[in-house]
N, C-alpha and C. Protein backbone atom coordinates (compact mmCIF):
# COMPACT_ATOMS: atom_id res chain seq x y z
N MET A 1 7.41 -9.40 12.85
CA MET A 1 7.18 -8.51 14.31
C MET A 1 6.04 -7.31 14.30
N THR A 2 6.02 -6.71 12.93
CA THR A 2 4.88 -5.64 13.21
C THR A 2 3.25 -5.91 13.45
N VAL A 3 2.94 -7.77 12.38
CA VAL A 3 2.28 -8.13 12.82
C VAL A 3 1.90 -8.44 14.01
N ALA A 4 2.52 -9.20 14.26
CA ALA A 4 2.61 -9.92 16.04
C ALA A 4 2.34 -8.13 16.81
N PHE A 5 2.44 -7.11 16.65
CA PHE A 5 2.62 -5.77 17.96
C PHE A 5 1.49 -5.72 17.27
N CYS A 6 0.97 -5.16 16.18
CA CYS A 6 -0.30 -4.67 15.37
C CYS A 6 -1.68 -6.06 16.45
N GLN A 7 -1.42 -7.35 16.49
CA GLN A 7 -2.24 -7.94 16.98
C GLN A 7 -2.57 -7.85 18.62
N GLU A 8 -1.47 -7.92 19.21
CA GLU A 8 -1.15 -7.60 20.62
C GLU A 8 -2.06 -6.47 21.48
N VAL A 9 -1.63 -4.98 20.26
CA VAL A 9 -2.39 -4.25 20.65
C VAL A 9 -3.99 -3.90 19.95
N GLY A 10 -4.11 -4.77 19.46
CA GLY A 10 -5.50 -4.78 18.74
C GLY A 10 -5.94 -4.09 17.59
N ALA A 11 -4.84 -3.34 17.00
CA ALA A 11 -4.78 -2.82 15.92
C ALA A 11 -5.74 -3.44 14.83
N LEU A 12 -6.31 -2.41 14.19
CA LEU A 12 -7.49 -3.05 12.98
C LEU A 12 -6.30 -3.08 11.39
N ALA A 13 -5.81 -2.19 11.56
CA ALA A 13 -4.45 -1.76 9.87
C ALA A 13 -3.13 -0.67 10.33
N VAL A 14 -2.78 -0.77 9.50
CA VAL A 14 -1.88 0.26 9.54
C VAL A 14 -1.39 1.24 8.41
N GLU A 15 -1.31 2.38 8.69
CA GLU A 15 -1.57 3.61 7.63
C GLU A 15 -0.05 3.87 6.86
N VAL A 16 0.29 3.62 5.83
CA VAL A 16 1.12 4.33 5.36
C VAL A 16 1.56 5.24 5.07
N SER A 17 2.55 6.32 6.03
CA SER A 17 2.33 8.09 5.80
C SER A 17 3.58 8.32 5.02
N GLY A 18 4.86 7.63 4.75
CA GLY A 18 5.73 7.91 4.47
C GLY A 18 6.98 7.26 4.53
N GLU A 19 8.19 7.71 4.30
CA GLU A 19 9.31 6.85 4.05
C GLU A 19 10.59 7.47 4.25
N VAL A 20 10.89 7.03 5.70
CA VAL A 20 11.88 7.65 6.78
C VAL A 20 13.22 7.10 6.32
N LEU A 21 14.09 6.32 5.26
CA LEU A 21 15.02 5.60 4.77
C LEU A 21 14.11 4.91 3.69
N PRO A 22 15.43 4.67 2.61
CA PRO A 22 14.81 3.07 1.97
C PRO A 22 14.58 2.60 2.26
N LEU A 23 13.28 1.50 2.34
CA LEU A 23 12.70 0.38 2.99
C LEU A 23 12.42 0.38 4.52
N ALA A 24 12.18 1.64 5.26
CA ALA A 24 11.73 1.52 6.49
C ALA A 24 10.55 3.02 6.22
N ALA A 25 9.67 2.16 6.86
CA ALA A 25 8.33 3.11 6.49
C ALA A 25 7.98 3.82 7.99
N SER A 26 7.01 4.94 7.73
CA SER A 26 6.77 5.58 8.71
C SER A 26 5.02 5.22 8.55
N ARG A 27 4.49 4.40 9.57
CA ARG A 27 2.66 4.32 10.00
C ARG A 27 1.97 4.71 10.72
N THR A 28 1.11 4.96 10.53
CA THR A 28 0.13 4.90 11.42
C THR A 28 -0.76 3.87 12.22
N LEU A 29 -0.80 3.89 13.44
CA LEU A 29 -1.80 2.46 14.09
C LEU A 29 -3.21 2.96 13.73
N VAL A 30 -4.13 1.81 13.17
CA VAL A 30 -5.21 2.10 12.87
C VAL A 30 -6.39 1.46 14.18
N GLY A 31 -6.72 1.72 15.42
CA GLY A 31 -7.26 1.27 15.87
C GLY A 31 -7.19 0.57 17.51
N GLY A 32 -8.21 -0.14 18.07
CA GLY A 32 -6.93 -0.55 19.08
C GLY A 32 -6.64 0.30 20.25
N ASP A 33 -5.72 -0.06 20.96
CA ASP A 33 -5.25 0.25 21.84
C ASP A 33 -4.17 1.47 22.15
N PHE A 34 -3.64 1.85 20.77
CA PHE A 34 -2.85 2.93 20.47
C PHE A 34 -3.25 3.38 18.95
N ASP A 35 -4.41 3.42 19.04
CA ASP A 35 -4.89 4.09 17.81
C ASP A 35 -4.61 6.01 17.04
N GLY A 36 -3.77 5.51 17.01
CA GLY A 36 -3.49 7.10 16.26
C GLY A 36 -1.79 6.71 16.27
N LEU A 37 -0.96 5.78 17.08
CA LEU A 37 0.34 6.15 17.49
C LEU A 37 1.18 6.14 16.01
N LYS A 38 2.25 6.74 15.60
CA LYS A 38 2.90 6.50 15.00
C LYS A 38 4.20 5.58 15.24
N ILE A 39 4.66 4.87 13.88
CA ILE A 39 5.63 3.55 14.13
C ILE A 39 6.62 3.68 13.12
N VAL A 40 7.56 2.99 13.17
CA VAL A 40 8.28 3.09 11.87
C VAL A 40 8.24 1.60 11.71
N THR A 41 8.16 0.91 10.67
CA THR A 41 8.95 -0.46 10.51
C THR A 41 10.02 -0.68 9.83
N LYS A 42 10.59 -1.56 10.07
CA LYS A 42 12.44 -1.68 8.88
C LYS A 42 12.39 -3.10 9.31
N GLY A 43 12.93 -3.61 8.32
CA GLY A 43 13.45 -4.84 8.38
C GLY A 43 15.16 -4.98 8.68
N GLY A 44 15.29 -6.12 9.41
CA GLY A 44 16.54 -6.21 9.85
C GLY A 44 17.50 -5.54 9.03
N LEU A 45 17.62 -6.22 8.00
CA LEU A 45 18.56 -6.43 7.44
C LEU A 45 19.03 -5.14 6.11
N VAL A 46 17.73 -4.00 6.68
CA VAL A 46 18.06 -2.98 5.39
C VAL A 46 18.67 -1.69 6.24
N GLY A 47 19.61 -1.35 5.86
CA GLY A 47 20.14 0.14 6.06
C GLY A 47 21.37 0.09 6.85
N ASN A 48 22.04 0.46 7.72
CA ASN A 48 23.42 0.48 7.56
C ASN A 48 23.52 0.50 9.56
N THR A 49 24.24 1.23 9.84
CA THR A 49 24.57 1.01 11.86
C THR A 49 23.84 2.20 12.19
N GLU A 50 23.70 3.11 11.38
CA GLU A 50 22.84 4.49 11.62
C GLU A 50 21.08 3.84 11.36
N SER A 51 20.65 3.48 10.45
CA SER A 51 19.30 3.41 10.11
C SER A 51 18.42 3.06 11.43
N ALA A 52 18.82 2.48 12.70
CA ALA A 52 17.76 2.23 13.81
C ALA A 52 18.09 3.65 14.02
N ALA A 53 18.73 4.36 14.56
CA ALA A 53 18.81 5.84 15.44
C ALA A 53 17.80 6.90 13.98
N LYS A 54 18.04 6.47 13.26
CA LYS A 54 17.65 7.89 12.36
C LYS A 54 16.29 7.21 12.32
N CYS A 55 15.82 6.61 12.90
CA CYS A 55 13.80 6.07 12.16
C CYS A 55 13.89 6.80 13.94
N VAL A 56 14.51 6.44 15.07
CA VAL A 56 13.90 6.76 16.61
C VAL A 56 13.90 8.51 16.14
N GLU A 57 15.03 8.71 16.01
CA GLU A 57 15.36 10.43 15.33
C GLU A 57 13.63 10.84 14.80
N PHE A 58 13.33 10.42 13.46
CA PHE A 58 12.02 10.52 13.14
C PHE A 58 10.91 10.35 14.19
N LEU A 59 10.92 9.57 14.41
CA LEU A 59 9.60 9.50 15.52
C LEU A 59 9.49 10.08 16.78
N LEU A 60 10.62 11.00 17.34
CA LEU A 60 11.23 12.04 18.86
C LEU A 60 10.30 13.18 17.60
N LYS A 61 10.74 13.38 16.78
CA LYS A 61 10.41 14.85 16.21
C LYS A 61 8.76 15.36 16.05
């Protein structure tokens, strides 16, 4: 999903900037339409029922 998103917006790379939760990384898009945009990548089976909400909260800070 992350690769498809980056291709769609023309990002050249993603820079890892930290970890929100175990196996959920905060990243910054490099290049393309959304250069500098902060994103979080998390595998679908990673975490518990609160994990997605914690990732969104992290982005809203």
